[in-house]
PDB file of N, CA and C in Angstrom:
ATOM      1  N   UNK A   1     -34.596  38.155 -18.429  1.00  0.00           N
ATOM      2  CA  UNK A   1     -34.628  37.299 -18.435  1.00  0.00           C
ATOM      3  C   UNK A   1     -35.839  36.834 -17.724  1.00  0.00           C
ATOM      4  N   UNK A   2     -36.342  35.653 -18.352  1.00  0.00           N
ATOM      5  CA  UNK A   2     -37.215  34.977 -17.616  1.00  0.00           C
ATOM      6  C   UNK A   2     -37.074  33.930 -17.773  1.00  0.00           C
ATOM      7  N   UNK A   3     -37.785  32.988 -16.246  1.00  0.00           N
ATOM      8  CA  UNK A   3     -37.616  31.883 -16.985  1.00  0.00           C
ATOM      9  C   UNK A   3     -38.234  30.534 -18.167  1.00  0.00           C
ATOM     10  N   UNK A   4     -38.533  30.850 -18.419  1.00  0.00           N
ATOM     11  CA  UNK A   4     -38.909  30.375 -19.752  1.00  0.00           C
ATOM     12  C   UNK A   4     -37.168  30.072 -20.934  1.00  0.00           C
ATOM     13  N   UNK A   5     -36.387  31.515 -20.872  1.00  0.00           N
ATOM     14  CA  UNK A   5     -35.709  31.261 -21.349  1.00  0.00           C
ATOM     15  C   UNK A   5     -34.385  30.597 -20.752  1.00  0.00           C
ATOM     16  N   UNK A   6     -34.531  30.847 -19.891  1.00  0.00           N
ATOM     17  CA  UNK A   6     -33.724  30.210 -17.970  1.00  0.00           C
ATOM     18  C   UNK A   6     -33.369  28.433 -19.002  1.00  0.00           C
ATOM     19  N   UNK A   7     -34.833  27.790 -18.953  1.00  0.00           N
ATOM     20  CA  UNK A   7     -35.106  26.551 -18.543  1.00  0.00           C
ATOM     21  C   UNK A   7     -34.543  26.228 -20.422  1.00  0.00           C
ATOM     22  N   UNK A   8     -35.103  27.017 -21.212  1.00  0.00           N
ATOM     23  CA  UNK A   8     -34.972  26.945 -22.711  1.00  0.00           C
ATOM     24  C   UNK A   8     -33.687  26.494 -22.613  1.00  0.00           C
ATOM     25  N   UNK A   9     -32.574  27.647 -22.468  1.00  0.00           N
ATOM     26  CA  UNK A   9     -31.385  27.667 -22.308  1.00  0.00           C
ATOM     27  C   UNK A   9     -30.667  26.077 -21.889  1.00  0.00           C
ATOM     28  N   UNK A  10     -30.859  25.891 -20.316  1.00  0.00           N
ATOM     29  CA  UNK A  10     -31.031  24.374 -20.601  1.00  0.00           C
ATOM     30  C   UNK A  10     -30.468  23.542 -20.865  1.00  0.00           C
ATOM     31  N   UNK A  11     -31.994  23.421 -21.416  1.00  0.00           N
ATOM     32  CA  UNK A  11     -32.525  22.558 -22.085  1.00  0.00           C
ATOM     33  C   UNK A  11     -31.578  22.251 -23.339  1.00  0.00           C
ATOM     34  N   UNK A  12     -31.936  23.068 -23.894  1.00  0.00           N
ATOM     35  CA  UNK A  12     -31.022  23.403 -25.542  1.00  0.00           C
ATOM     36  C   UNK A  12     -29.444  22.949 -25.064  1.00  0.00           C
ATOM     37  N   UNK A  13     -28.783  23.009 -24.271  1.00  0.00           N
ATOM     38  CA  UNK A  13     -27.278  23.219 -23.568  1.00  0.00           C
ATOM     39  C   UNK A  13     -27.655  21.643 -24.165  1.00  0.00           C
ATOM     40  N   UNK A  14     -28.254  20.987 -22.825  1.00  0.00           N
ATOM     41  CA  UNK A  14     -27.829  19.670 -22.609  1.00  0.00           C
ATOM     42  C   UNK A  14     -28.060  18.569 -23.622  1.00  0.00           C
ATOM     43  N   UNK A  15     -29.054  19.231 -24.452  1.00  0.00           N
ATOM     44  CA  UNK A  15     -28.526  17.954 -25.874  1.00  0.00           C
ATOM     45  C   UNK A  15     -27.877  18.614 -26.404  1.00  0.00           C
ATOM     46  N   UNK A  16     -27.193  19.717 -26.573  1.00  0.00           N
ATOM     47  CA  UNK A  16     -25.676  19.826 -27.264  1.00  0.00           C
ATOM     48  C   UNK A  16     -25.011  18.747 -26.746  1.00  0.00           C
ATOM     49  N   UNK A  17     -24.840  18.781 -25.354  1.00  0.00           N
ATOM     50  CA  UNK A  17     -24.215  18.059 -25.227  1.00  0.00           C
ATOM     51  C   UNK A  17     -23.840  16.671 -25.118  1.00  0.00           C
ATOM     52  N   UNK A  18     -25.314  16.301 -24.799  1.00  0.00           N
ATOM     53  CA  UNK A  18     -25.535  14.802 -25.241  1.00  0.00           C
ATOM     54  C   UNK A  18     -24.924  14.327 -26.349  1.00  0.00           C
ATOM     55  N   UNK A  19     -25.613  15.582 -27.711  1.00  0.00           N
ATOM     56  CA  UNK A  19     -25.181  14.864 -29.048  1.00  0.00           C
ATOM     57  C   UNK A  19     -23.549  14.398 -29.358  1.00  0.00           C
ATOM     58  N   UNK A  20     -22.598  15.905 -28.497  1.00  0.00           N
ATOM     59  CA  UNK A  20     -21.576  16.054 -28.772  1.00  0.00           C
ATOM     60  C   UNK A  20     -20.965  14.774 -27.860  1.00  0.00           C
ATOM     61  N   UNK A  21     -21.043  14.685 -27.109  1.00  0.00           N
ATOM     62  CA  UNK A  21     -20.551  13.261 -25.967  1.00  0.00           C
ATOM     63  C   UNK A  21     -21.003  11.846 -26.626  1.00  0.00           C
ATOM     64  N   UNK A  22     -22.405  11.888 -27.566  1.00  0.00           N
ATOM     65  CA  UNK A  22     -22.233  10.298 -28.534  1.00  0.00           C
ATOM     66  C   UNK A  22     -21.892  10.533 -29.622  1.00  0.00           C
ATOM     67  N   UNK A  23     -21.114  11.633 -30.142  1.00  0.00           N
ATOM     68  CA  UNK A  23     -20.445  11.528 -31.087  1.00  0.00           C
ATOM     69  C   UNK A  23     -19.703  11.031 -30.607  1.00  0.00           C
ATOM     70  N   UNK A  24     -18.628  11.232 -29.620  1.00  0.00           N
ATOM     71  CA  UNK A  24     -17.468  10.769 -29.353  1.00  0.00           C
ATOM     72  C   UNK A  24     -17.605   8.954 -28.751  1.00  0.00           C
ATOM     73  N   UNK A  25     -18.662   8.398 -28.706  1.00  0.00           N
ATOM     74  CA  UNK A  25     -18.926   7.394 -28.586  1.00  0.00           C
ATOM     75  C   UNK A  25     -19.182   6.465 -29.787  1.00  0.00           C
ATOM     76  N   UNK A  26     -19.949   7.178 -30.649  1.00  0.00           N
ATOM     77  CA  UNK A  26     -19.798   6.084 -31.777  1.00  0.00           C
ATOM     78  C   UNK A  26     -18.540   6.689 -32.399  1.00  0.00           C
ATOM     79  N   UNK A  27     -17.718   7.712 -32.431  1.00  0.00           N
ATOM     80  CA  UNK A  27     -16.249   7.878 -32.951  1.00  0.00           C
ATOM     81  C   UNK A  27     -15.675   6.816 -32.749  1.00  0.00           C
ATOM     82  N   UNK A  28     -15.750   6.304 -31.487  1.00  0.00           N
ATOM     83  CA  UNK A  28     -14.990   5.383 -30.591  1.00  0.00           C
ATOM     84  C   UNK A  28     -15.120   3.734 -31.831  1.00  0.00           C
ATOM     85  N   UNK A  29     -16.704   3.255 -31.524  1.00  0.00           N
ATOM     86  CA  UNK A  29     -16.885   2.319 -32.172  1.00  0.00           C
ATOM     87  C   UNK A  29     -16.612   2.151 -33.687  1.00  0.00           C
ATOM     88  N   UNK A  30     -16.671   3.142 -34.129  1.00  0.00           N
ATOM     89  CA  UNK A  30     -16.236   3.201 -35.590  1.00  0.00           C
ATOM     90  C   UNK A  30     -15.106   2.477 -36.284  1.00  0.00           C
ATOM     91  N   UNK A  31     -14.164   3.565 -35.108  1.00  0.00           N
ATOM     92  CA  UNK A  31     -12.581   3.289 -35.471  1.00  0.00           C
ATOM     93  C   UNK A  31     -12.239   1.776 -34.272  1.00  0.00           C
ATOM     94  N   UNK A  32     -13.101   0.649 -33.996  1.00  0.00           N
ATOM     95  CA  UNK A  32     -12.936  -0.384 -33.536  1.00  0.00           C
ATOM     96  C   UNK A  32     -12.459  -0.144 -31.612  1.00  0.00           C
ATOM     97  N   UNK A  33     -13.338   0.890 -31.091  1.00  0.00           N
ATOM     98  CA  UNK A  33     -12.869   0.754 -30.158  1.00  0.00           C
ATOM     99  C   UNK A  33     -13.847   0.093 -29.183  1.00  0.00           C
ATOM    100  N   UNK A  34     -13.368  -0.301 -28.642  1.00  0.00           N
ATOM    101  CA  UNK A  34     -14.734  -1.101 -27.569  1.00  0.00           C
ATOM    102  C   UNK A  34     -15.349  -0.622 -26.464  1.00  0.00           C
ATOM    103  N   UNK A  35     -16.256   0.245 -26.180  1.00  0.00           N
ATOM    104  CA  UNK A  35     -16.935   1.229 -25.877  1.00  0.00           C
ATOM    105  C   UNK A  35     -17.735   0.298 -25.187  1.00  0.00           C
ATOM    106  N   UNK A  36     -17.919   0.388 -23.422  1.00  0.00           N
ATOM    107  CA  UNK A  36     -18.689  -0.653 -22.696  1.00  0.00           C
ATOM    108  C   UNK A  36     -19.660   0.158 -22.079  1.00  0.00           C
ATOM    109  N   UNK A  37     -19.694   1.346 -22.367  1.00  0.00           N
ATOM    110  CA  UNK A  37     -20.417   2.545 -21.377  1.00  0.00           C
ATOM    111  C   UNK A  37     -20.845   3.718 -21.800  1.00  0.00           C
ATOM    112  N   UNK A  38     -22.176   4.593 -21.419  1.00  0.00           N
ATOM    113  CA  UNK A  38     -22.329   5.667 -22.324  1.00  0.00           C
ATOM    114  C   UNK A  38     -22.494   6.204 -21.095  1.00  0.00           C
ATOM    115  N   UNK A  39     -22.445   7.211 -21.042  1.00  0.00           N
ATOM    116  CA  UNK A  39     -23.078   7.504 -19.857  1.00  0.00           C
ATOM    117  C   UNK A  39     -23.446   9.361 -19.781  1.00  0.00           C
ATOM    118  N   UNK A  40     -23.522  10.297 -19.535  1.00  0.00           N
ATOM    119  CA  UNK A  40     -23.908  11.624 -19.957  1.00  0.00           C
ATOM    120  C   UNK A  40     -24.564  12.075 -18.164  1.00  0.00           C
ATOM    121  N   UNK A  41     -23.631  12.729 -18.075  1.00  0.00           N
ATOM    122  CA  UNK A  41     -23.800  13.405 -16.165  1.00  0.00           C
ATOM    123  C   UNK A  41     -22.999  13.168 -15.838  1.00  0.00           C
ATOM    124  N   UNK A  42     -22.521  14.189 -14.980  1.00  0.00           N
ATOM    125  CA  UNK A  42     -21.342  14.328 -13.544  1.00  0.00           C
ATOM    126  C   UNK A  42     -22.213  13.103 -12.892  1.00  0.00           C
ATOM    127  N   UNK A  43     -20.820  12.219 -12.120  1.00  0.00           N
ATOM    128  CA  UNK A  43     -21.821  10.969 -11.344  1.00  0.00           C
ATOM    129  C   UNK A  43     -22.590  12.039 -10.224  1.00  0.00           C
ATOM    130  N   UNK A  44     -23.923  11.935  -9.783  1.00  0.00           N
ATOM    131  CA  UNK A  44     -24.317  10.586 -11.071  1.00  0.00           C
ATOM    132  C   UNK A  44     -24.941  10.666 -11.724  1.00  0.00           C
ATOM    133  N   UNK A  45     -24.987  10.061 -12.961  1.00  0.00           N
ATOM    134  CA  UNK A  45     -24.923  10.064 -14.053  1.00  0.00           C
ATOM    135  C   UNK A  45     -26.401  10.516 -14.425  1.00  0.00           C
ATOM    136  N   UNK A  46     -27.436  11.111 -14.801  1.00  0.00           N
ATOM    137  CA  UNK A  46     -28.596  11.045 -15.971  1.00  0.00           C
ATOM    138  C   UNK A  46     -28.619   9.702 -16.097  1.00  0.00           C
ATOM    139  N   UNK A  47     -27.818   9.720 -17.380  1.00  0.00           N
ATOM    140  CA  UNK A  47     -28.262   8.721 -18.386  1.00  0.00           C
ATOM    141  C   UNK A  47     -26.770   7.572 -18.258  1.00  0.00           C
ATOM    142  N   UNK A  48     -27.249   6.385 -17.908  1.00  0.00           N
ATOM    143  CA  UNK A  48     -25.914   5.464 -18.232  1.00  0.00           C
ATOM    144  C   UNK A  48     -25.896   4.237 -18.758  1.00  0.00           C
ATOM    145  N   UNK A  49     -25.215   4.232 -19.865  1.00  0.00           N
ATOM    146  CA  UNK A  49     -25.849   3.079 -21.168  1.00  0.00           C
ATOM    147  C   UNK A  49     -24.727   1.977 -21.380  1.00  0.00           C
ATOM    148  N   UNK A  50     -24.748   0.472 -20.362  1.00  0.00           N
ATOM    149  CA  UNK A  50     -23.563  -0.606 -20.223  1.00  0.00           C
ATOM    150  C   UNK A  50     -24.102  -1.720 -21.222  1.00  0.00           C
ATOM    151  N   UNK A  51     -23.067  -1.937 -21.830  1.00  0.00           N
ATOM    152  CA  UNK A  51     -23.314  -3.393 -21.846  1.00  0.00           C
ATOM    153  C   UNK A  51     -22.086  -4.296 -21.033  1.00  0.00           C
ATOM    154  N   UNK A  52     -22.819  -5.746 -20.345  1.00  0.00           N
ATOM    155  CA  UNK A  52     -21.925  -6.289 -20.245  1.00  0.00           C
ATOM    156  C   UNK A  52     -21.589  -6.056 -18.373  1.00  0.00           C
ATOM    157  N   UNK A  53     -19.986  -6.432 -18.710  1.00  0.00           N
ATOM    158  CA  UNK A  53     -19.727  -6.711 -16.895  1.00  0.00           C
ATOM    159  C   UNK A  53     -18.522  -5.788 -17.228  1.00  0.00           C
ATOM    160  N   UNK A  54     -17.808  -5.037 -16.367  1.00  0.00           N
ATOM    161  CA  UNK A  54     -16.391  -3.962 -16.147  1.00  0.00           C
ATOM    162  C   UNK A  54     -15.172  -5.503 -16.618  1.00  0.00           C
ATOM    163  N   UNK A  55     -14.093  -4.878 -17.011  1.00  0.00           N
ATOM    164  CA  UNK A  55     -13.117  -5.280 -17.142  1.00  0.00           C
ATOM    165  C   UNK A  55     -12.003  -4.962 -16.297  1.00  0.00           C
ATOM    166  N   UNK A  56     -10.909  -5.145 -15.716  1.00  0.00           N
ATOM    167  CA  UNK A  56      -9.492  -4.660 -15.550  1.00  0.00           C
ATOM    168  C   UNK A  56      -8.458  -5.771 -15.894  1.00  0.00           C
ATOM    169  N   UNK A  57      -7.469  -4.917 -16.791  1.00  0.00           N
ATOM    170  CA  UNK A  57      -6.418  -5.568 -16.909  1.00  0.00           C
ATOM    171  C   UNK A  57      -5.213  -4.561 -15.821  1.00  0.00           C
ATOM    172  N   UNK A  58      -4.800  -5.960 -15.119  1.00  0.00           N
ATOM    173  CA  UNK A  58      -3.536  -5.988 -14.145  1.00  0.00           C
ATOM    174  C   UNK A  58      -2.254  -6.698 -14.664  1.00  0.00           C
ATOM    175  N   UNK A  59      -1.263  -6.477 -15.361  1.00  0.00           N
ATOM    176  CA  UNK A  59      -0.487  -7.404 -16.007  1.00  0.00           C
ATOM    177  C   UNK A  59      -0.552  -8.170 -16.634  1.00  0.00           C
ATOM    178  N   UNK A  60      -1.216  -7.856 -17.509  1.00  0.00           N
ATOM    179  CA  UNK A  60      -2.030  -9.383 -18.098  1.00  0.00           C
ATOM    180  C   UNK A  60      -2.959  -9.902 -17.714  1.00  0.00           C
ATOM    181  N   UNK A  61      -3.556 -10.332 -16.951  1.00  0.00           N
ATOM    182  CA  UNK A  61      -4.467 -10.226 -16.297  1.00  0.00           C
ATOM    183  C   UNK A  61      -5.751  -9.706 -16.089  1.00  0.00           C
ATOM    184  N   UNK A  62      -6.819 -10.216 -16.860  1.00  0.00           N
ATOM    185  CA  UNK A  62      -8.260  -9.554 -16.890  1.00  0.00           C
ATOM    186  C   UNK A  62      -8.627 -10.357 -16.082  1.00  0.00           C
ATOM    187  N   UNK A  63      -9.747  -9.186 -14.814  1.00  0.00           N
ATOM    188  CA  UNK A  63     -10.281  -8.926 -13.997  1.00  0.00           C
ATOM    189  C   UNK A  63     -11.810  -9.023 -14.395  1.00  0.00           C
ATOM    190  N   UNK A  64     -12.277  -9.797 -14.442  1.00  0.00           N
ATOM    191  CA  UNK A  64     -14.279  -9.114 -14.193  1.00  0.00           C
ATOM    192  C   UNK A  64     -14.794  -8.200 -13.422  1.00  0.00           C
ATOM    193  N   UNK A  65     -15.488  -7.895 -13.820  1.00  0.00           N
ATOM    194  CA  UNK A  65     -16.021  -6.946 -12.607  1.00  0.00           C
ATOM    195  C   UNK A  65     -17.234  -6.667 -12.645  1.00  0.00           C
ATOM    196  N   UNK A  66     -18.166  -7.352 -11.682  1.00  0.00           N
ATOM    197  CA  UNK A  66     -20.037  -7.011 -11.758  1.00  0.00           C
ATOM    198  C   UNK A  66     -20.320  -5.692 -11.665  1.00  0.00           C
ATOM    199  N   UNK A  67     -21.695  -5.239 -11.960  1.00  0.00           N
ATOM    200  CA  UNK A  67     -21.789  -4.105 -11.920  1.00  0.00           C
ATOM    201  C   UNK A  67     -22.430  -4.469 -10.682  1.00  0.00           C
ATOM    202  N   UNK A  68     -21.960  -3.046  -9.651  1.00  0.00           N
ATOM    203  CA  UNK A  68     -22.648  -2.682  -8.497  1.00  0.00           C
ATOM    204  C   UNK A  68     -21.476  -3.689  -7.791  1.00  0.00           C
ATOM    205  N   UNK A  69     -20.109  -3.802  -8.229  1.00  0.00           N
ATOM    206  CA  UNK A  69     -19.592  -4.814  -7.203  1.00  0.00           C
ATOM    207  C   UNK A  69     -18.680  -3.014  -6.111  1.00  0.00           C
ATOM    208  N   UNK A  70     -18.530  -3.221  -4.997  1.00  0.00           N
ATOM    209  CA  UNK A  70     -18.300  -2.300  -3.975  1.00  0.00           C
ATOM    210  C   UNK A  70     -16.680  -3.306  -3.411  1.00  0.00           C
ATOM    211  N   UNK A  71     -15.742  -2.166  -3.380  1.00  0.00           N
ATOM    212  CA  UNK A  71     -14.648  -2.623  -2.443  1.00  0.00           C
ATOM    213  C   UNK A  71     -14.903  -2.915  -0.921  1.00  0.00           C
ATOM    214  N   UNK A  72     -14.311  -3.898  -0.346  1.00  0.00           N
ATOM    215  CA  UNK A  72     -14.516  -3.885   0.687  1.00  0.00           C
ATOM    216  C   UNK A  72     -13.589  -2.857   1.490  1.00  0.00           C
ATOM    217  N   UNK A  73     -14.025  -2.103   2.309  1.00  0.00           N
ATOM    218  CA  UNK A  73     -13.874  -0.981   2.983  1.00  0.00           C
ATOM    219  C   UNK A  73     -12.847  -1.434   3.298  1.00  0.00           C
ATOM    220  N   UNK A  74     -12.094  -2.079   4.723  1.00  0.00           N
ATOM    221  CA  UNK A  74     -10.224  -2.530   4.522  1.00  0.00           C
ATOM    222  C   UNK A  74      -9.923  -2.492   3.415  1.00  0.00           C
ATOM    223  N   UNK A  75      -9.854  -2.230   2.437  1.00  0.00           N
ATOM    224  CA  UNK A  75      -9.054  -2.658   0.976  1.00  0.00           C
ATOM    225  C   UNK A  75      -9.095  -0.430   0.290  1.00  0.00           C
ATOM    226  N   UNK A  76     -11.036  -0.013   0.214  1.00  0.00           N
ATOM    227  CA  UNK A  76     -11.013   1.463   0.726  1.00  0.00           C
ATOM    228  C   UNK A  76     -10.156   2.081   0.761  1.00  0.00           C
ATOM    229  N   UNK A  77     -10.185   1.561   2.174  1.00  0.00           N
ATOM    230  CA  UNK A  77      -9.415   2.609   3.138  1.00  0.00           C
ATOM    231  C   UNK A  77      -7.310   2.272   3.240  1.00  0.00           C
ATOM    232  N   UNK A  78      -7.248   1.056   2.468  1.00  0.00           N
ATOM    233  CA  UNK A  78      -5.757   0.816   2.736  1.00  0.00           C
ATOM    234  C   UNK A  78      -5.548   0.070   3.720  1.00  0.00           C
ATOM    235  N   UNK A  79      -6.260  -0.174   4.166  1.00  0.00           N
ATOM    236  CA  UNK A  79      -5.341  -1.017   5.607  1.00  0.00           C
ATOM    237  C   UNK A  79      -5.750  -2.405   5.513  1.00  0.00           C
ATOM    238  N   UNK A  80      -6.533  -2.910   4.342  1.00  0.00           N
ATOM    239  CA  UNK A  80      -5.929  -5.019   4.480  1.00  0.00           C
ATOM    240  C   UNK A  80      -4.565  -5.048   3.710  1.00  0.00           C
ATOM    241  N   UNK A  81      -3.602  -5.922   4.224  1.00  0.00           N
ATOM    242  CA  UNK A  81      -2.484  -6.134   3.396  1.00  0.00           C
ATOM    243  C   UNK A  81      -2.258  -7.354   3.038  1.00  0.00           C
ATOM    244  N   UNK A  82      -2.271  -8.123   1.826  1.00  0.00           N
ATOM    245  CA  UNK A  82      -1.941  -9.367   1.517  1.00  0.00           C
ATOM    246  C   UNK A  82      -0.661  -9.698   2.111  1.00  0.00           C
ATOM    247  N   UNK A  83      -1.057 -11.368   2.543  1.00  0.00           N
ATOM    248  CA  UNK A  83      -0.229 -12.228   3.193  1.00  0.00           C
ATOM    249  C   UNK A  83       0.452 -13.196   2.246  1.00  0.00           C
TER     250      UNK A  83
END
């Protein structure tokens, strides 16, 4: 088995996975599901297509999360307590 065969297999397999995942994206959009991101690759993503900002809904309240938002270290560690 030569290196060309291995590289060819990885390339073709990657294309098949991309097309498969893009099919999920299109099926969701066609059925009225709002898709805010399409990503390809396990994090770190190889390709990310994103539209707008992220949204979280907590107890009926919508929170808008800007791109690149980082949780404060205290909150991420679980040591921040609201009073």
